Amino acid sequence: MTSSGRDFAVRGWLVMAATLVVLVLVSFIPPLEAGGVKLRRASVISDLIEMDSPSEQEALLAEAEPEIDVEEFEVDLELVAEQVKQTTAVSKPTGEATSASWEGIFEEQPTGGEEFMPQPDEQPSLDELPIADYSDILPPDEKIIRIENFAQGEQSALEQLYAKLLAGKQQVRVAFMGDSFVEGDILTADLRELLQDTFSGGGVGYTPVASPFTGFRQTIKTSSKGWTPYNIMQRKSTPEPYAGDFFVSGWVAKASEGASTRWTMTDKRRHADECRRARLLFICREDATVSVRLGEDEVRTFSFAAGEEVRQIVVESERITTLEMRVESGAAGFTALGAEFDDVGGVVVDNLSIRSNNGQAMFWSNAAVNAQINTMRGYDLVVLQYGLNIMQADRHNYSLYGEQVEKMVRYVESCFPGAAVLVMGVSDRSQKNEAGIVPMTEAKDLTKWQRTAAERCGVAFWNTYAAMQQLGGMAEFVANGWAGKDYTHINYAGGARIARELYYALLKGVEEYSAAQREKIERSQPLLQQTLELEPVNKIVIDTVARPAEVDFQELE
């Protein structure tokens, strides 16, 4: 006969075994969703048996952690606005203390960024308003990814941009701020070329004085020596005062005696070598002498007194093929910022890309430096192309990053007042998993939050993801040789395709703006008093819009 104690022991083991079996079976139930909330897989014994796949574990960890380090995006926007206000109140973009030109000190120069919208009492007539018709360039409307303008009211910054492009009377400056997606003038080289084809202009825009990456850029050749370059992403290891001198371009360079840079224009893109104006930008905290060589022979020397403000040397010539600057004295207090090459009119596009940057680097730049440079060469459009490094597999909520995009917009609006802001949605991307190469649909989620940020700020938005999808998506880009095998970064061929889509969007914007302005003028035409003589002794006076086709003459008879 079996003892009762042994029966209880057997039963206990049976209960434990049954419980273990149930727990194992429950752990095989896949993750569920309830009310839009994803419930994680039940795995009570996960410490003993690893039931989740590595990808599921990574997804759970990703959702648990914020998509960004918010501390990197810390900025006091009120302080930025005050710095800009104080700087612009005393900043003199021209004059002996700040600027020098090839012909000597000048008092006036085109600074760009001027508002171009006609005043109410200067409303142009229909004959004076240019007609924008790009039907021979543009694809069918359904193929164009439109720019969404969320600005409220009349005369938005984007409409001012369209007006300047349409009129063609002033130079239009575009700042393209981005990450490694456009590094080396990828995409921007083609956008610049296309806009200059249509609206005139020349030159390659902004370029650093010295950088380890200048060799990657095909649109201009840069040869430098005697400089120590610093990148804003390594700002913590950048010595003072250089750490506080950054422009949004992300590069500064410390000079040694005799430090020099030579720029040579190239014909890698249409209009790239059509340069008639160059601008050298720097800070000299000691009395400094800088020599500038134009071409192979002509050399001139410029002297500046010590100061904290940004200085410029402007060179204008019928054709600038090469330009060289050399620090002859004052190197210890000299910070080189960059140089710009353009024509005296038309469109110029500055590539201000910084690799590994999600947009936070702009907050580490010096708002006063940004504002000073803007008074010298004001921007009409600032494009924000970020987010590629933010995207994570299985993450669908990017609201926290969306808040940072809003801060980016506000920062740009403070430093570059009057400029239209265009938020570009994140590009398409694919990844490799057990199923092979698959699209990262998370790009759609990130795009949604970027668009929301643009809408909240009342600025413009363009859907890069949709444009790439229309071209076949990242997998097609790689198959066609338009992107790298990392399924993340485009190359020059891919940049050309996306640039053309953005170019189409801008042209369509100008075209629709032109049509709207013409319609507005037509509606505002005064009523004309017309006298129609129907009978020798009877005259009828009619108040009507001056469009005879709208008058029903049969009714009058």
Protein backbone atom coordinates (compact mmCIF):
# COMPACT_ATOMS: atom_id res chain seq x y z
CA MET A 1 0.00 0.00 0.00
CA THR A 2 1.26 3.47 -0.98
CA SER A 3 1.60 6.07 1.71
CA SER A 4 -0.47 9.28 1.53
CA GLY A 5 2.72 11.41 1.79
CA ARG A 6 4.09 9.86 -1.39
CA ASP A 7 0.74 10.47 -3.20
CA PHE A 8 0.89 14.16 -2.35
CA ALA A 9 4.48 14.39 -3.64
CA VAL A 10 3.55 12.73 -6.94
CA ARG A 11 0.54 14.98 -7.35
CA GLY A 12 2.72 18.04 -6.63
CA TRP A 13 5.16 17.09 -9.35
CA LEU A 14 2.29 16.48 -11.78
CA VAL A 15 0.84 19.94 -11.08
CA MET A 16 4.24 21.56 -11.59
CA ALA A 17 4.74 19.67 -14.85
CA ALA A 18 1.28 20.64 -16.09
CA THR A 19 1.93 24.28 -15.19
CA LEU A 20 5.23 24.23 -17.05
CA VAL A 21 3.54 22.79 -20.13
CA VAL A 22 0.85 25.49 -20.03
CA LEU A 23 3.43 28.26 -19.68
CA VAL A 24 5.40 26.90 -22.61
CA LEU A 25 2.26 26.71 -24.77
CA VAL A 26 1.21 30.26 -23.78
CA SER A 27 4.62 31.59 -24.74
CA PHE A 28 3.97 30.47 -28.33
CA ILE A 29 0.97 32.81 -28.65
CA PRO A 30 2.07 35.65 -30.98
CA PRO A 31 1.96 39.32 -29.92
CA LEU A 32 -1.54 40.80 -30.07
CA GLU A 33 -2.90 44.32 -30.48
CA ALA A 34 -5.78 45.75 -28.48
CA GLY A 35 -7.10 49.27 -28.96
CA GLY A 36 -4.08 50.21 -31.04
CA VAL A 37 -1.69 49.08 -28.29
CA LYS A 38 0.73 46.27 -29.07
CA LEU A 39 0.77 43.62 -26.34
CA ARG A 40 4.04 41.83 -26.00
CA ARG A 41 4.33 38.04 -26.19
CA ALA A 42 3.55 36.25 -22.92
CA SER A 43 6.78 34.61 -21.79
CA VAL A 44 6.63 34.20 -18.04
CA ILE A 45 9.58 31.79 -18.08
CA SER A 46 11.71 33.94 -20.41
CA ASP A 47 14.52 33.81 -17.84
CA LEU A 48 14.63 30.05 -18.32
CA ILE A 49 13.63 29.60 -21.96
CA GLU A 50 14.25 32.21 -24.66
CA MET A 51 11.06 32.16 -26.70
CA ASP A 52 11.28 35.59 -28.42
CA SER A 53 13.34 35.90 -31.57
CA PRO A 54 16.26 38.38 -31.51
CA SER A 55 14.38 40.72 -33.88
CA GLU A 56 11.34 40.76 -31.58
CA GLN A 57 13.52 41.47 -28.57
CA GLU A 58 15.17 44.37 -30.43
CA ALA A 59 11.75 45.72 -31.40
CA LEU A 60 10.54 45.62 -27.81
CA LEU A 61 13.70 47.37 -26.65
CA ALA A 62 13.38 50.00 -29.37
CA GLU A 63 9.80 50.83 -28.40
CA ALA A 64 10.83 51.04 -24.74
CA GLU A 65 13.62 53.53 -25.45
CA PRO A 66 13.11 57.04 -26.90
CA GLU A 67 14.05 57.43 -30.56
CA ILE A 68 16.50 60.22 -29.77
CA ASP A 69 18.65 61.66 -27.02
CA VAL A 70 16.62 64.77 -26.24
CA GLU A 71 19.56 66.40 -24.48
CA GLU A 72 21.31 66.72 -27.84
CA PHE A 73 18.43 68.85 -29.08
CA GLU A 74 18.39 71.24 -26.14
CA VAL A 75 18.13 74.89 -27.22
CA ASP A 76 16.79 78.06 -25.66
CA LEU A 77 14.85 79.54 -28.56
CA GLU A 78 14.10 82.75 -26.64
CA LEU A 79 17.82 83.28 -26.09
CA VAL A 80 18.51 82.56 -29.77
CA ALA A 81 15.93 85.15 -30.82
CA GLU A 82 17.47 87.71 -28.46
CA GLN A 83 20.99 87.00 -29.76
CA VAL A 84 19.84 87.47 -33.33
CA LYS A 85 17.96 90.65 -32.45
CA GLN A 86 21.00 92.17 -30.77
CA THR A 87 23.33 91.07 -33.57
CA THR A 88 21.24 92.38 -36.44
CA ALA A 89 20.69 95.67 -34.62
CA VAL A 90 24.41 96.46 -34.75
CA SER A 91 25.61 94.25 -37.60
CA LYS A 92 26.89 96.07 -40.65
CA PRO A 93 27.09 93.70 -43.59
CA THR A 94 28.98 96.31 -45.59
CA GLY A 95 31.49 98.96 -44.72
CA GLU A 96 35.17 99.25 -43.98
CA ALA A 97 35.13 97.36 -40.67
CA THR A 98 33.28 94.36 -42.03
CA SER A 99 33.67 94.05 -45.77
CA ALA A 100 36.17 94.50 -48.52
CA SER A 101 35.66 94.13 -52.24
CA TRP A 102 37.98 93.53 -55.16
CA GLU A 103 37.64 97.22 -56.07
CA GLY A 104 38.20 98.43 -52.53
CA ILE A 105 35.90 99.15 -49.61
CA PHE A 106 32.25 99.42 -50.61
CA GLU A 107 29.21 100.82 -48.88
CA GLU A 108 26.45 99.02 -50.74
CA GLN A 109 25.96 95.58 -52.23
CA PRO A 110 23.09 93.21 -52.92
CA THR A 111 22.61 91.25 -49.71
CA GLY A 112 19.82 88.93 -50.86
CA GLY A 113 16.81 87.79 -48.90
CA GLU A 114 14.84 90.96 -49.63
CA GLU A 115 11.09 90.67 -49.61
CA PHE A 116 9.80 90.79 -53.14
CA MET A 117 6.01 90.64 -52.78
CA PRO A 118 4.43 93.69 -54.45
CA GLN A 119 2.76 96.16 -52.14
CA PRO A 120 -0.99 96.75 -52.44
CA ASP A 121 -0.48 100.10 -54.19
CA GLU A 122 2.07 98.48 -56.49
CA GLN A 123 -0.16 95.71 -57.78
CA PRO A 124 1.17 94.84 -61.25
CA SER A 125 -1.09 94.72 -64.26
CA LEU A 126 -1.70 91.50 -66.16
CA ASP A 127 0.71 92.69 -68.83
CA GLU A 128 3.42 93.19 -66.22
CA LEU A 129 2.97 89.82 -64.51
CA PRO A 130 5.05 87.07 -66.15
CA ILE A 131 3.22 83.93 -67.19
CA ALA A 132 4.64 80.70 -65.79
CA ASP A 133 3.97 77.82 -68.16
CA TYR A 134 6.22 74.79 -67.71
CA SER A 135 3.99 72.32 -69.51
CA ASP A 136 6.88 71.40 -71.81
CA ILE A 137 8.95 70.41 -68.75
CA LEU A 138 6.51 69.02 -66.22
CA PRO A 139 5.10 65.50 -66.22
CA PRO A 140 1.32 64.93 -65.85
CA ASP A 141 -0.11 66.44 -62.67
CA GLU A 142 -0.75 63.04 -61.10
CA LYS A 143 2.98 62.30 -61.34
CA ILE A 144 4.04 65.41 -59.41
CA ILE A 145 4.59 65.13 -55.66
CA ARG A 146 3.37 68.60 -54.65
CA ILE A 147 4.88 70.85 -52.04
CA GLU A 148 2.34 71.39 -49.28
CA ASN A 149 2.29 74.94 -47.96
CA PHE A 150 0.81 75.12 -44.47
CA ALA A 151 1.28 78.88 -44.10
CA GLN A 152 -1.81 80.87 -43.21
CA GLY A 153 -2.80 84.19 -44.74
CA GLU A 154 -1.43 86.02 -47.74
CA GLN A 155 2.15 86.67 -48.84
CA SER A 156 3.68 83.61 -47.20
CA ALA A 157 7.43 83.15 -47.36
CA LEU A 158 7.00 80.38 -49.91
CA GLU A 159 4.90 82.66 -52.11
CA GLN A 160 7.62 85.30 -51.85
CA LEU A 161 10.07 82.71 -53.11
CA TYR A 162 7.79 81.87 -56.04
CA ALA A 163 7.39 85.58 -56.80
CA LYS A 164 11.16 86.13 -56.94
CA LEU A 165 11.68 83.11 -59.16
CA LEU A 166 8.89 84.27 -61.44
CA ALA A 167 10.11 87.86 -61.71
CA GLY A 168 13.78 86.97 -62.16
CA LYS A 169 14.88 90.39 -60.92
CA GLN A 170 16.80 89.35 -57.81
CA GLN A 171 19.11 86.56 -56.81
CA VAL A 172 17.43 83.62 -55.05
CA ARG A 173 19.46 81.83 -52.39
CA VAL A 174 18.67 78.32 -51.19
CA ALA A 175 20.24 76.68 -48.13
CA PHE A 176 20.02 72.89 -48.23
CA MET A 177 20.69 71.64 -44.70
CA GLY A 178 21.00 67.87 -44.47
CA ASP A 179 22.96 64.79 -43.47
CA SER A 180 25.10 62.21 -45.31
CA PHE A 181 22.22 61.59 -47.72
CA VAL A 182 23.30 64.71 -49.66
CA GLU A 183 26.97 64.86 -48.68
CA GLY A 184 29.39 65.76 -51.43
CA ASP A 185 26.73 67.79 -53.29
CA ILE A 186 24.65 64.69 -54.03
CA LEU A 187 21.13 65.75 -55.06
CA THR A 188 21.91 69.46 -54.57
CA ALA A 189 24.25 69.54 -57.58
CA ASP A 190 21.41 68.43 -59.84
CA LEU A 191 18.79 70.60 -58.15
CA ARG A 192 21.07 73.61 -58.55
CA GLU A 193 21.72 72.77 -62.20
CA LEU A 194 18.02 72.39 -63.01
CA LEU A 195 17.00 75.60 -61.24
CA GLN A 196 19.79 77.52 -62.95
CA ASP A 197 18.68 76.08 -66.30
CA THR A 198 15.24 77.59 -65.73
CA PHE A 199 15.86 80.72 -63.66
CA SER A 200 19.49 81.51 -64.61
CA GLY A 201 22.43 81.71 -62.21
CA GLY A 202 25.80 80.04 -61.88
CA GLY A 203 28.41 78.81 -59.43
CA VAL A 204 28.30 76.05 -56.84
CA GLY A 205 27.39 78.01 -53.74
CA TYR A 206 28.92 77.48 -50.30
CA THR A 207 31.99 75.36 -49.60
CA PRO A 208 34.24 74.98 -46.52
CA VAL A 209 37.73 76.44 -46.49
CA ALA A 210 39.12 73.09 -45.31
CA SER A 211 37.56 69.70 -44.64
CA PRO A 212 38.63 66.05 -44.94
CA PHE A 213 35.65 65.50 -47.24
CA THR A 214 36.24 68.20 -49.85
CA GLY A 215 37.73 65.55 -52.16
CA PHE A 216 34.35 63.82 -52.39
CA ARG A 217 32.71 66.86 -53.93
CA GLN A 218 32.88 66.82 -57.71
CA THR A 219 31.42 70.24 -58.42
CA ILE A 220 34.42 72.25 -57.19
CA LYS A 221 38.07 71.38 -56.54
CA THR A 222 39.43 72.51 -53.17
CA SER A 223 43.15 72.37 -52.27
CA SER A 224 44.08 73.57 -48.77
CA LYS A 225 47.14 73.56 -46.53
CA GLY A 226 48.07 74.95 -43.13
CA TRP A 227 44.58 74.56 -41.66
CA THR A 228 43.22 72.49 -38.77
CA PRO A 229 39.56 71.83 -39.60
CA TYR A 230 36.93 71.16 -36.95
CA ASN A 231 33.52 69.59 -37.41
CA ILE A 232 30.52 70.63 -35.34
CA MET A 233 29.69 67.00 -34.51
CA GLN A 234 32.96 66.91 -32.55
CA ARG A 235 32.34 70.29 -30.94
CA LYS A 236 33.18 69.00 -27.45
CA SER A 237 36.76 68.36 -28.51
CA THR A 238 37.01 71.59 -30.51
CA PRO A 239 39.10 74.21 -28.69
CA GLU A 240 37.86 77.72 -27.96
CA PRO A 241 37.15 80.08 -29.57
CA TYR A 242 36.54 77.85 -32.61
CA ALA A 243 33.87 75.79 -30.82
CA GLY A 244 31.76 78.94 -30.61
CA ASP A 245 32.29 80.09 -34.22
CA PHE A 246 30.30 77.47 -36.13
CA PHE A 247 28.00 78.50 -38.95
CA VAL A 248 25.21 76.02 -39.81
CA SER A 249 27.57 74.62 -42.46
CA GLY A 250 29.24 72.70 -39.61
CA TRP A 251 32.89 73.46 -40.42
CA VAL A 252 35.47 75.95 -39.15
CA ALA A 253 39.22 75.93 -39.65
CA LYS A 254 42.08 77.13 -37.45
CA ALA A 255 44.85 78.85 -39.38
CA SER A 256 48.60 78.62 -39.09
CA GLU A 257 50.83 81.33 -40.61
CA GLY A 258 50.58 81.11 -44.37
CA ALA A 259 47.50 78.86 -44.34
CA SER A 260 45.93 78.90 -47.78
CA THR A 261 43.11 77.43 -49.85
CA ARG A 262 42.75 77.35 -53.62
CA TRP A 263 39.40 76.75 -55.30
CA THR A 264 39.12 75.72 -58.95
CA MET A 265 35.82 75.82 -60.79
CA THR A 266 34.88 72.67 -62.74
CA ASP A 267 32.50 71.80 -65.56
CA LYS A 268 31.11 68.70 -63.85
CA ARG A 269 27.67 70.31 -63.87
CA ARG A 270 26.08 72.87 -66.16
CA HIS A 271 26.70 76.43 -64.91
CA ALA A 272 29.15 75.26 -62.21
CA ASP A 273 31.97 77.23 -63.81
CA GLU A 274 29.78 80.25 -64.61
CA CYS A 275 30.97 82.15 -61.57
CA ARG A 276 31.25 85.92 -61.45
CA ARG A 277 31.26 86.50 -57.69
CA ALA A 278 33.10 84.89 -54.79
CA ARG A 279 32.71 85.64 -51.11
CA LEU A 280 35.23 84.69 -48.41
CA LEU A 281 33.87 84.53 -44.84
CA PHE A 282 35.98 84.53 -41.66
CA ILE A 283 36.52 85.96 -38.16
CA CYS A 284 39.80 87.62 -37.12
CA ARG A 285 40.29 88.33 -33.42
CA GLU A 286 43.73 89.78 -34.11
CA ASP A 287 44.70 92.32 -36.75
CA ALA A 288 44.92 90.23 -39.89
CA THR A 289 46.14 90.49 -43.44
CA VAL A 290 44.69 88.26 -46.13
CA SER A 291 45.92 88.02 -49.70
CA VAL A 292 43.62 86.92 -52.51
CA ARG A 293 44.78 85.68 -55.90
CA LEU A 294 42.33 85.84 -58.78
CA GLY A 295 43.29 83.54 -61.63
CA GLU A 296 47.01 82.95 -62.01
CA ASP A 297 48.43 86.43 -61.75
CA GLU A 298 46.40 89.15 -60.05
CA VAL A 299 46.96 89.35 -56.26
CA ARG A 300 45.52 91.87 -53.81
CA THR A 301 45.95 92.21 -50.05
CA PHE A 302 43.28 93.15 -47.52
CA SER A 303 43.81 94.22 -43.91
CA PHE A 304 41.28 93.96 -41.09
CA ALA A 305 41.34 95.20 -37.50
CA ALA A 306 40.75 92.74 -34.68
CA GLY A 307 37.12 92.08 -33.80
CA GLU A 308 34.47 89.47 -33.04
CA GLU A 309 32.26 90.07 -36.05
CA VAL A 310 32.14 88.01 -39.23
CA ARG A 311 34.15 89.56 -42.09
CA GLN A 312 33.87 89.12 -45.83
CA ILE A 313 35.97 89.73 -48.90
CA VAL A 314 33.88 89.92 -52.08
CA VAL A 315 35.52 89.34 -55.45
CA GLU A 316 33.68 90.09 -58.68
CA SER A 317 35.02 89.38 -62.14
CA GLU A 318 33.69 88.54 -65.58
CA ARG A 319 34.79 84.95 -65.06
CA ILE A 320 36.28 83.41 -61.92
CA THR A 321 38.10 80.20 -62.80
CA THR A 322 40.39 79.92 -59.77
CA LEU A 323 40.62 81.82 -56.50
CA GLU A 324 43.13 81.49 -53.67
CA MET A 325 43.16 83.03 -50.20
CA ARG A 326 46.19 83.09 -47.91
CA VAL A 327 46.51 84.28 -44.29
CA GLU A 328 49.59 86.52 -44.34
CA SER A 329 49.36 87.64 -40.70
CA GLY A 330 47.08 87.31 -37.68
CA ALA A 331 46.73 83.54 -37.94
CA ALA A 332 46.51 83.06 -34.15
CA GLY A 333 43.14 84.79 -34.04
CA PHE A 334 41.83 83.68 -37.42
CA THR A 335 38.76 81.45 -37.88
CA ALA A 336 37.97 80.47 -41.47
CA LEU A 337 34.26 79.82 -42.03
CA GLY A 338 33.82 79.20 -45.74
CA ALA A 339 33.53 80.59 -49.24
CA GLU A 340 30.71 81.01 -51.71
CA PHE A 341 30.80 81.00 -55.51
CA ASP A 342 27.86 82.27 -57.54
CA ASP A 343 26.69 84.55 -60.29
CA VAL A 344 25.43 88.06 -59.59
CA GLY A 345 21.85 86.94 -60.30
CA GLY A 346 19.71 83.85 -60.70
CA VAL A 347 19.62 80.90 -58.29
CA VAL A 348 22.35 79.69 -55.96
CA VAL A 349 22.01 76.50 -53.88
CA ASP A 350 24.27 75.94 -50.85
CA ASN A 351 24.92 72.36 -49.76
CA LEU A 352 25.23 72.53 -45.95
CA SER A 353 25.32 68.80 -45.20
CA ILE A 354 26.80 67.30 -42.04
CA ARG A 355 27.12 63.54 -41.76
CA SER A 356 25.57 61.78 -38.74
CA ASN A 357 23.47 64.87 -38.12
CA ASN A 358 19.78 64.52 -37.31
CA GLY A 359 19.29 68.27 -37.26
CA GLN A 360 20.55 68.83 -33.73
CA ALA A 361 23.84 70.27 -34.99
CA MET A 362 22.18 73.53 -35.97
CA PHE A 363 21.52 74.18 -32.28
CA TRP A 364 25.27 73.97 -31.65
CA SER A 365 26.04 76.66 -34.22
CA ASN A 366 26.42 80.30 -33.21
CA ALA A 367 23.14 82.12 -33.82
CA ALA A 368 24.98 85.45 -34.05
CA VAL A 369 27.29 84.07 -36.76
CA ASN A 370 24.29 82.71 -38.67
CA ALA A 371 22.49 86.04 -38.45
CA GLN A 372 25.53 88.06 -39.55
CA ILE A 373 26.11 85.89 -42.59
CA ASN A 374 22.43 86.12 -43.43
CA THR A 375 22.69 89.93 -43.55
CA MET A 376 25.49 89.51 -46.09
CA ARG A 377 23.88 86.82 -48.21
CA GLY A 378 20.32 86.31 -47.06
CA TYR A 379 18.46 83.09 -47.77
CA ASP A 380 15.09 82.88 -49.49
CA LEU A 381 14.56 79.16 -48.86
CA VAL A 382 15.94 76.79 -46.23
CA VAL A 383 15.44 73.06 -46.85
CA LEU A 384 15.63 70.70 -43.86
CA GLN A 385 16.56 67.15 -44.97
CA TYR A 386 16.97 64.98 -41.87
CA GLY A 387 15.72 61.83 -40.19
CA LEU A 388 17.56 59.06 -42.02
CA ASN A 389 19.51 58.10 -38.90
CA ILE A 390 16.44 58.33 -36.66
CA MET A 391 14.47 55.59 -38.38
CA GLN A 392 14.46 52.25 -36.56
CA ALA A 393 12.96 48.89 -37.41
CA ASP A 394 9.62 48.23 -35.70
CA ARG A 395 9.39 51.79 -34.36
CA HIS A 396 6.25 53.60 -35.46
CA ASN A 397 5.95 56.50 -33.06
CA TYR A 398 8.28 59.42 -33.82
CA SER A 399 6.37 62.10 -31.96
CA LEU A 400 9.41 63.00 -29.86
CA TYR A 401 11.50 63.63 -32.96
CA GLY A 402 8.61 65.58 -34.47
CA GLU A 403 8.88 68.00 -31.55
CA GLN A 404 12.57 68.51 -32.36
CA VAL A 405 11.73 69.22 -36.01
CA GLU A 406 9.44 72.00 -34.78
CA LYS A 407 12.37 73.46 -32.84
CA MET A 408 14.55 73.25 -35.95
CA VAL A 409 12.01 75.28 -37.89
CA ARG A 410 11.81 77.91 -35.17
CA TYR A 411 15.60 78.11 -34.97
CA VAL A 412 15.86 78.64 -38.74
CA GLU A 413 13.15 81.28 -38.65
CA SER A 414 15.10 83.17 -35.98
CA CYS A 415 18.50 83.00 -37.70
CA PHE A 416 17.25 83.48 -41.26
CA PRO A 417 14.14 85.69 -40.97
CA GLY A 418 12.07 85.97 -44.11
CA ALA A 419 13.26 82.67 -45.56
CA ALA A 420 10.70 80.04 -46.53
CA VAL A 421 11.26 76.74 -44.71
CA LEU A 422 10.71 73.42 -46.47
CA VAL A 423 10.74 70.22 -44.39
CA MET A 424 11.70 67.23 -46.53
CA GLY A 425 10.24 63.95 -45.39
CA VAL A 426 12.68 61.11 -44.74
CA SER A 427 13.86 59.09 -47.71
CA ASP A 428 12.92 55.49 -48.46
CA ARG A 429 15.10 52.78 -46.97
CA SER A 430 15.29 48.98 -46.94
CA GLN A 431 16.86 46.48 -44.56
CA LYS A 432 17.95 42.86 -44.58
CA ASN A 433 16.20 40.30 -42.39
CA GLU A 434 15.31 36.62 -42.53
CA ALA A 435 12.96 37.36 -45.45
CA GLY A 436 15.72 39.04 -47.45
CA ILE A 437 15.80 42.72 -48.43
CA VAL A 438 12.53 44.32 -47.35
CA PRO A 439 11.32 47.95 -47.30
CA MET A 440 11.34 49.79 -44.00
CA THR A 441 7.72 50.85 -43.82
CA GLU A 442 8.67 52.83 -40.74
CA ALA A 443 9.66 55.58 -43.21
CA LYS A 444 5.96 56.29 -43.67
CA ASP A 445 5.53 56.74 -39.92
CA LEU A 446 8.49 59.10 -39.62
CA THR A 447 7.25 61.03 -42.66
CA LYS A 448 3.89 61.49 -40.94
CA TRP A 449 5.49 63.10 -37.89
CA GLN A 450 7.73 65.34 -40.01
CA ARG A 451 4.69 66.51 -41.96
CA THR A 452 2.82 67.15 -38.70
CA ALA A 453 5.72 69.28 -37.46
CA ALA A 454 5.66 71.34 -40.67
CA GLU A 455 1.90 71.80 -40.37
CA ARG A 456 2.13 72.91 -36.75
CA CYS A 457 4.80 75.45 -37.67
CA GLY A 458 2.94 76.73 -40.72
CA VAL A 459 5.77 75.98 -43.16
CA ALA A 460 6.11 73.82 -46.27
CA PHE A 461 6.52 70.05 -46.57
CA TRP A 462 7.63 67.73 -49.38
CA ASN A 463 7.21 63.95 -49.26
CA THR A 464 10.57 62.47 -50.29
CA TYR A 465 9.39 58.95 -49.48
CA ALA A 466 6.46 59.26 -51.88
CA ALA A 467 8.76 60.60 -54.60
CA MET A 468 11.10 57.63 -54.23
CA GLN A 469 8.21 55.18 -54.13
CA GLN A 470 6.97 56.64 -57.40
CA LEU A 471 10.39 55.83 -58.86
CA GLY A 472 10.23 52.24 -57.59
CA GLY A 473 11.48 52.57 -54.03
CA MET A 474 14.92 51.92 -52.56
CA ALA A 475 15.11 48.36 -53.89
CA GLU A 476 14.67 49.71 -57.41
CA PHE A 477 17.22 52.44 -56.74
CA VAL A 478 19.81 49.81 -55.80
CA ALA A 479 18.90 47.60 -58.76
CA ASN A 480 19.35 50.55 -61.13
CA GLY A 481 22.66 51.58 -59.58
CA TRP A 482 21.15 54.73 -58.07
CA ALA A 483 21.94 53.83 -54.44
CA GLY A 484 24.48 51.90 -52.40
CA LYS A 485 24.17 48.30 -51.33
CA ASP A 486 23.44 49.50 -47.79
CA TYR A 487 19.93 50.27 -49.11
CA THR A 488 20.15 53.59 -47.28
CA HIS A 489 22.31 56.09 -49.16
CA ILE A 490 21.72 57.29 -52.69
CA ASN A 491 24.58 58.16 -55.05
CA TYR A 492 24.82 60.92 -57.65
CA ALA A 493 22.59 59.01 -60.06
CA GLY A 494 19.91 58.58 -57.40
CA GLY A 495 20.31 62.17 -56.28
CA ALA A 496 19.62 63.30 -59.84
CA ARG A 497 16.28 61.44 -59.82
CA ILE A 498 15.11 62.88 -56.51
CA ALA A 499 16.36 66.35 -57.43
CA ARG A 500 14.26 66.29 -60.57
CA GLU A 501 11.15 65.35 -58.58
CA LEU A 502 11.74 68.26 -56.18
CA TYR A 503 12.44 70.54 -59.14
CA TYR A 504 9.10 69.54 -60.66
CA ALA A 505 7.39 70.35 -57.35
CA LEU A 506 8.98 73.81 -57.24
CA LEU A 507 8.08 74.54 -60.86
CA LYS A 508 4.49 73.48 -60.23
CA GLY A 509 4.41 75.77 -57.22
CA VAL A 510 5.60 78.73 -59.29
CA GLU A 511 3.13 77.88 -62.05
CA GLU A 512 0.17 77.68 -59.68
CA TYR A 513 1.26 80.85 -57.90
CA SER A 514 1.40 82.67 -61.24
CA ALA A 515 -2.08 81.47 -62.19
CA ALA A 516 -3.48 82.46 -58.79
CA GLN A 517 -1.96 85.94 -59.03
CA ARG A 518 -3.38 86.49 -62.49
CA GLU A 519 -6.80 85.35 -61.36
CA LYS A 520 -6.59 87.66 -58.37
CA ILE A 521 -5.74 90.64 -60.58
CA GLU A 522 -8.57 89.81 -62.98
CA ARG A 523 -11.06 89.69 -60.11
CA SER A 524 -9.83 93.01 -58.78
CA GLN A 525 -10.29 94.85 -62.11
CA PRO A 526 -12.70 97.79 -61.65
CA LEU A 527 -16.13 97.66 -63.24
CA LEU A 528 -16.24 99.59 -66.46
CA GLN A 529 -19.12 101.77 -67.49
CA GLN A 530 -19.89 100.78 -71.06
CA THR A 531 -22.30 102.65 -73.30
CA LEU A 532 -24.03 100.45 -75.83
CA GLU A 533 -25.93 102.27 -78.55
CA LEU A 534 -28.82 100.03 -79.62
CA GLU A 535 -31.07 102.63 -81.22
CA PRO A 536 -30.28 106.11 -82.45
CA VAL A 537 -32.37 107.63 -79.66
CA ASN A 538 -32.00 105.00 -76.91
CA LYS A 539 -28.79 104.41 -74.91
CA ILE A 540 -28.35 101.79 -72.22
CA VAL A 541 -25.61 102.13 -69.61
CA ILE A 542 -24.33 98.82 -68.19
CA ASP A 543 -21.98 98.22 -65.26
CA THR A 544 -20.14 94.97 -65.94
CA VAL A 545 -16.73 93.36 -65.70
CA ALA A 546 -14.61 94.24 -68.70
CA ARG A 547 -15.06 90.85 -70.31
CA PRO A 548 -17.54 91.21 -73.23
CA ALA A 549 -18.00 87.45 -73.48
CA GLU A 550 -19.87 87.51 -70.20
CA VAL A 551 -22.45 90.07 -71.36
CA ASP A 552 -25.75 88.58 -72.63
CA PHE A 553 -26.50 90.89 -75.53
CA GLN A 554 -29.65 89.00 -76.53
CA GLU A 555 -31.13 89.76 -73.15
CA LEU A 556 -30.38 93.45 -73.61
CA GLU A 557 -32.26 93.53 -76.92
